[in-house]
C-alpha atoms as a PDB file:
ATOM      1  CA  UNK A   1     -49.081   9.115  69.194  1.00  0.00           C
ATOM      2  CA  UNK A   2     -51.658   7.921  66.944  1.00  0.00           C
ATOM      3  CA  UNK A   3     -52.642   4.408  67.593  1.00  0.00           C
ATOM      4  CA  UNK A   4     -53.109   3.164  64.029  1.00  0.00           C
ATOM      5  CA  UNK A   5     -50.874   4.719  61.504  1.00  0.00           C
ATOM      6  CA  UNK A   6     -51.468   3.542  57.989  1.00  0.00           C
ATOM      7  CA  UNK A   7     -48.217   1.908  56.809  1.00  0.00           C
ATOM      8  CA  UNK A   8     -47.493   1.271  53.229  1.00  0.00           C
ATOM      9  CA  UNK A   9     -46.105  -1.954  51.906  1.00  0.00           C
ATOM     10  CA  UNK A  10     -42.390  -2.289  51.012  1.00  0.00           C
ATOM     11  CA  UNK A  11     -41.567  -0.636  47.688  1.00  0.00           C
ATOM     12  CA  UNK A  12     -39.254  -2.678  45.470  1.00  0.00           C
ATOM     13  CA  UNK A  13     -37.235  -0.979  42.728  1.00  0.00           C
ATOM     14  CA  UNK A  14     -38.422  -1.201  39.152  1.00  0.00           C
ATOM     15  CA  UNK A  15     -37.266  -4.337  37.367  1.00  0.00           C
ATOM     16  CA  UNK A  16     -34.103  -3.978  35.334  1.00  0.00           C
ATOM     17  CA  UNK A  17     -34.915  -3.590  31.662  1.00  0.00           C
ATOM     18  CA  UNK A  18     -33.056  -5.292  28.850  1.00  0.00           C
ATOM     19  CA  UNK A  19     -32.547  -2.055  26.951  1.00  0.00           C
ATOM     20  CA  UNK A  20     -30.103  -0.429  26.622  1.00  0.00           C
ATOM     21  CA  UNK A  21     -27.631  -3.239  27.025  1.00  0.00           C
ATOM     22  CA  UNK A  22     -24.571  -2.907  29.170  1.00  0.00           C
ATOM     23  CA  UNK A  23     -21.292  -1.842  27.475  1.00  0.00           C
ATOM     24  CA  UNK A  24     -19.972  -5.399  27.583  1.00  0.00           C
ATOM     25  CA  UNK A  25     -22.819  -6.575  25.362  1.00  0.00           C
ATOM     26  CA  UNK A  26     -22.082  -3.816  22.829  1.00  0.00           C
ATOM     27  CA  UNK A  27     -18.447  -4.847  22.808  1.00  0.00           C
ATOM     28  CA  UNK A  28     -19.452  -8.449  22.286  1.00  0.00           C
ATOM     29  CA  UNK A  29     -21.869  -7.501  19.508  1.00  0.00           C
ATOM     30  CA  UNK A  30     -19.352  -5.477  17.493  1.00  0.00           C
ATOM     31  CA  UNK A  31     -15.987  -6.629  18.773  1.00  0.00           C
ATOM     32  CA  UNK A  32     -16.253 -10.357  18.112  1.00  0.00           C
ATOM     33  CA  UNK A  33     -17.187 -10.079  14.397  1.00  0.00           C
ATOM     34  CA  UNK A  34     -14.535  -7.429  13.809  1.00  0.00           C
ATOM     35  CA  UNK A  35     -11.909  -9.457  15.647  1.00  0.00           C
ATOM     36  CA  UNK A  36     -12.809 -12.656  13.804  1.00  0.00           C
ATOM     37  CA  UNK A  37     -12.695 -10.857  10.428  1.00  0.00           C
ATOM     38  CA  UNK A  38      -9.312  -9.383  11.325  1.00  0.00           C
ATOM     39  CA  UNK A  39      -7.947 -12.769  12.363  1.00  0.00           C
ATOM     40  CA  UNK A  40      -9.259 -14.379   9.150  1.00  0.00           C
ATOM     41  CA  UNK A  41      -7.608 -11.669   7.061  1.00  0.00           C
ATOM     42  CA  UNK A  42      -4.352 -12.038   8.997  1.00  0.00           C
ATOM     43  CA  UNK A  43      -4.397 -15.807   8.525  1.00  0.00           C
ATOM     44  CA  UNK A  44      -4.925 -15.419   4.771  1.00  0.00           C
ATOM     45  CA  UNK A  45      -2.186 -12.779   4.615  1.00  0.00           C
ATOM     46  CA  UNK A  46       0.343 -14.995   6.380  1.00  0.00           C
ATOM     47  CA  UNK A  47      -0.550 -18.107   4.391  1.00  0.00           C
ATOM     48  CA  UNK A  48      -0.741 -16.322   1.038  1.00  0.00           C
ATOM     49  CA  UNK A  49       1.383 -17.756  -1.705  1.00  0.00           C
ATOM     50  CA  UNK A  50       2.787 -14.801  -3.589  1.00  0.00           C
ATOM     51  CA  UNK A  51       4.475 -14.976  -6.945  1.00  0.00           C
ATOM     52  CA  UNK A  52       7.825 -14.374  -5.287  1.00  0.00           C
ATOM     53  CA  UNK A  53       7.406 -17.189  -2.747  1.00  0.00           C
ATOM     54  CA  UNK A  54       6.264 -19.665  -5.380  1.00  0.00           C
ATOM     55  CA  UNK A  55       8.995 -18.613  -7.801  1.00  0.00           C
ATOM     56  CA  UNK A  56      11.749 -18.946  -5.212  1.00  0.00           C
ATOM     57  CA  UNK A  57      10.453 -22.380  -4.208  1.00  0.00           C
ATOM     58  CA  UNK A  58      10.425 -23.571  -7.819  1.00  0.00           C
ATOM     59  CA  UNK A  59      13.856 -22.058  -8.404  1.00  0.00           C
ATOM     60  CA  UNK A  60      15.204 -24.067  -5.472  1.00  0.00           C
ATOM     61  CA  UNK A  61      13.643 -27.229  -6.866  1.00  0.00           C
ATOM     62  CA  UNK A  62      15.463 -26.599 -10.167  1.00  0.00           C
ATOM     63  CA  UNK A  63      18.733 -26.043  -8.292  1.00  0.00           C
ATOM     64  CA  UNK A  64      18.285 -29.284  -6.340  1.00  0.00           C
ATOM     65  CA  UNK A  65      17.219 -31.368  -9.340  1.00  0.00           C
ATOM     66  CA  UNK A  66      19.499 -34.136 -10.589  1.00  0.00           C
ATOM     67  CA  UNK A  67      19.271 -33.130 -14.265  1.00  0.00           C
ATOM     68  CA  UNK A  68      22.178 -31.947 -16.373  1.00  0.00           C
ATOM     69  CA  UNK A  69      23.180 -28.296 -16.698  1.00  0.00           C
ATOM     70  CA  UNK A  70      21.472 -27.772 -20.054  1.00  0.00           C
ATOM     71  CA  UNK A  71      18.127 -29.042 -18.736  1.00  0.00           C
ATOM     72  CA  UNK A  72      18.456 -26.840 -15.645  1.00  0.00           C
ATOM     73  CA  UNK A  73      19.051 -23.757 -17.790  1.00  0.00           C
ATOM     74  CA  UNK A  74      16.042 -24.617 -19.958  1.00  0.00           C
ATOM     75  CA  UNK A  75      13.832 -25.083 -16.901  1.00  0.00           C
ATOM     76  CA  UNK A  76      15.139 -21.808 -15.509  1.00  0.00           C
ATOM     77  CA  UNK A  77      14.360 -19.955 -18.750  1.00  0.00           C
ATOM     78  CA  UNK A  78      10.817 -21.345 -18.715  1.00  0.00           C
ATOM     79  CA  UNK A  79      10.395 -20.336 -15.072  1.00  0.00           C
ATOM     80  CA  UNK A  80      11.560 -16.755 -15.718  1.00  0.00           C
ATOM     81  CA  UNK A  81       9.160 -16.482 -18.656  1.00  0.00           C
ATOM     82  CA  UNK A  82       6.246 -17.759 -16.544  1.00  0.00           C
ATOM     83  CA  UNK A  83       7.069 -15.359 -13.730  1.00  0.00           C
ATOM     84  CA  UNK A  84       7.293 -12.416 -16.121  1.00  0.00           C
ATOM     85  CA  UNK A  85       3.982 -13.305 -17.729  1.00  0.00           C
ATOM     86  CA  UNK A  86       2.281 -13.422 -14.355  1.00  0.00           C
ATOM     87  CA  UNK A  87       3.718 -10.127 -13.064  1.00  0.00           C
ATOM     88  CA  UNK A  88       3.984  -7.901 -16.160  1.00  0.00           C
ATOM     89  CA  UNK A  89       1.403  -7.300 -18.920  1.00  0.00           C
ATOM     90  CA  UNK A  90       1.296 -10.214 -21.333  1.00  0.00           C
ATOM     91  CA  UNK A  91       1.335  -7.976 -24.418  1.00  0.00           C
ATOM     92  CA  UNK A  92       4.711  -6.551 -23.454  1.00  0.00           C
ATOM     93  CA  UNK A  93       6.454  -9.742 -22.333  1.00  0.00           C
ATOM     94  CA  UNK A  94       5.227 -12.595 -24.511  1.00  0.00           C
ATOM     95  CA  UNK A  95       6.914 -11.489 -27.728  1.00  0.00           C
ATOM     96  CA  UNK A  96      10.370 -10.791 -26.268  1.00  0.00           C
ATOM     97  CA  UNK A  97      13.197 -13.054 -27.435  1.00  0.00           C
ATOM     98  CA  UNK A  98      16.988 -12.996 -27.514  1.00  0.00           C
ATOM     99  CA  UNK A  99      18.686  -9.746 -26.589  1.00  0.00           C
ATOM    100  CA  UNK A 100      15.357  -7.983 -25.994  1.00  0.00           C
ATOM    101  CA  UNK A 101      14.425 -10.664 -23.466  1.00  0.00           C
ATOM    102  CA  UNK A 102      17.727 -10.263 -21.624  1.00  0.00           C
ATOM    103  CA  UNK A 103      17.346  -6.462 -21.643  1.00  0.00           C
ATOM    104  CA  UNK A 104      13.875  -6.908 -20.162  1.00  0.00           C
ATOM    105  CA  UNK A 105      15.299  -9.143 -17.410  1.00  0.00           C
ATOM    106  CA  UNK A 106      17.918  -6.458 -16.670  1.00  0.00           C
ATOM    107  CA  UNK A 107      15.119  -3.968 -15.984  1.00  0.00           C
ATOM    108  CA  UNK A 108      14.511  -4.564 -12.246  1.00  0.00           C
ATOM    109  CA  UNK A 109      18.255  -4.818 -11.505  1.00  0.00           C
ATOM    110  CA  UNK A 110      20.824  -2.033 -11.336  1.00  0.00           C
ATOM    111  CA  UNK A 111      23.137  -3.476 -13.944  1.00  0.00           C
ATOM    112  CA  UNK A 112      23.126  -5.599 -17.078  1.00  0.00           C
ATOM    113  CA  UNK A 113      24.111  -8.973 -15.662  1.00  0.00           C
ATOM    114  CA  UNK A 114      21.587 -10.755 -17.844  1.00  0.00           C
ATOM    115  CA  UNK A 115      22.670  -9.002 -21.069  1.00  0.00           C
ATOM    116  CA  UNK A 116      26.407  -9.028 -20.458  1.00  0.00           C
ATOM    117  CA  UNK A 117      26.934 -11.495 -17.637  1.00  0.00           C
ATOM    118  CA  UNK A 118      25.833 -14.876 -16.381  1.00  0.00           C
ATOM    119  CA  UNK A 119      22.325 -14.356 -17.754  1.00  0.00           C
ATOM    120  CA  UNK A 120      23.499 -14.746 -21.358  1.00  0.00           C
ATOM    121  CA  UNK A 121      23.474 -18.457 -20.732  1.00  0.00           C
ATOM    122  CA  UNK A 122      19.666 -18.348 -20.952  1.00  0.00           C
ATOM    123  CA  UNK A 123      19.782 -17.660 -24.702  1.00  0.00           C
ATOM    124  CA  UNK A 124      23.035 -19.457 -25.504  1.00  0.00           C
ATOM    125  CA  UNK A 125      22.541 -22.788 -23.696  1.00  0.00           C
ATOM    126  CA  UNK A 126      19.884 -24.226 -26.055  1.00  0.00           C
ATOM    127  CA  UNK A 127      22.396 -24.019 -28.938  1.00  0.00           C
ATOM    128  CA  UNK A 128      25.309 -25.610 -27.123  1.00  0.00           C
ATOM    129  CA  UNK A 129      25.984 -29.297 -27.080  1.00  0.00           C
ATOM    130  CA  UNK A 130      27.240 -29.171 -23.516  1.00  0.00           C
ATOM    131  CA  UNK A 131      26.871 -26.354 -21.045  1.00  0.00           C
ATOM    132  CA  UNK A 132      30.127 -25.522 -19.306  1.00  0.00           C
ATOM    133  CA  UNK A 133      29.266 -22.521 -17.168  1.00  0.00           C
ATOM    134  CA  UNK A 134      28.945 -21.331 -13.619  1.00  0.00           C
ATOM    135  CA  UNK A 135      25.338 -22.224 -12.862  1.00  0.00           C
ATOM    136  CA  UNK A 136      25.630 -21.006  -9.279  1.00  0.00           C
ATOM    137  CA  UNK A 137      26.126 -17.436 -10.520  1.00  0.00           C
ATOM    138  CA  UNK A 138      23.111 -17.781 -12.812  1.00  0.00           C
ATOM    139  CA  UNK A 139      20.932 -19.143 -10.015  1.00  0.00           C
ATOM    140  CA  UNK A 140      22.053 -16.351  -7.658  1.00  0.00           C
ATOM    141  CA  UNK A 141      21.256 -13.789 -10.361  1.00  0.00           C
ATOM    142  CA  UNK A 142      17.797 -15.274 -10.860  1.00  0.00           C
ATOM    143  CA  UNK A 143      17.137 -15.289  -7.109  1.00  0.00           C
ATOM    144  CA  UNK A 144      18.054 -11.616  -6.945  1.00  0.00           C
ATOM    145  CA  UNK A 145      15.839 -10.863  -9.968  1.00  0.00           C
ATOM    146  CA  UNK A 146      12.858 -12.577  -8.332  1.00  0.00           C
ATOM    147  CA  UNK A 147      13.392 -10.633  -5.107  1.00  0.00           C
ATOM    148  CA  UNK A 148      13.364  -7.336  -7.045  1.00  0.00           C
ATOM    149  CA  UNK A 149      10.045  -8.048  -8.740  1.00  0.00           C
ATOM    150  CA  UNK A 150       7.233  -5.584  -8.101  1.00  0.00           C
ATOM    151  CA  UNK A 151       3.981  -6.733  -6.575  1.00  0.00           C
ATOM    152  CA  UNK A 152       1.575  -8.128  -9.135  1.00  0.00           C
ATOM    153  CA  UNK A 153      -0.805  -5.185  -8.978  1.00  0.00           C
ATOM    154  CA  UNK A 154       1.988  -2.596  -9.198  1.00  0.00           C
ATOM    155  CA  UNK A 155       3.846  -3.815 -12.285  1.00  0.00           C
ATOM    156  CA  UNK A 156       4.167  -1.355 -15.121  1.00  0.00           C
ATOM    157  CA  UNK A 157       4.512  -2.303 -18.748  1.00  0.00           C
ATOM    158  CA  UNK A 158       8.291  -1.864 -18.672  1.00  0.00           C
ATOM    159  CA  UNK A 159      10.314  -2.817 -15.629  1.00  0.00           C
ATOM    160  CA  UNK A 160      12.332   0.082 -14.318  1.00  0.00           C
ATOM    161  CA  UNK A 161      15.696  -0.047 -12.716  1.00  0.00           C
ATOM    162  CA  UNK A 162      15.390   0.261  -8.978  1.00  0.00           C
ATOM    163  CA  UNK A 163      17.806   2.436  -7.056  1.00  0.00           C
ATOM    164  CA  UNK A 164      19.207   1.083  -3.809  1.00  0.00           C
END
């Protein structure tokens, strides 16, 4: 044996570099912003006040109001006009009156309950001294009409009858 062997010092591994990062850091870098954007969009989607939600809420406030039947029908007619102006093109809706207005309201429904049914009260009530009619049927008809509305961005100039 050789008496003095030259020994080398202990070799430590190279220090760990910061690049490339571990997969968890990549996930954190891209996942958190995407997840937070998705949650923000979901929150806005859930809390969004659509025309239908607002219209149904205002319709219920008219139903619950303590006014007389004639005032309720007038408020309902104004509400339907406002809804139509917000969903359909203004040029097509704003000038409709009388029978044309009722025919327009019949559009989203399968029948003519506005033209030949409870909806006629919308054009007849302002000329009556007292309104003696079934307002519950009119309110139910208006609720159904609101539920059949297209989305605001999908409304065509003329409402079409939807098949069930």
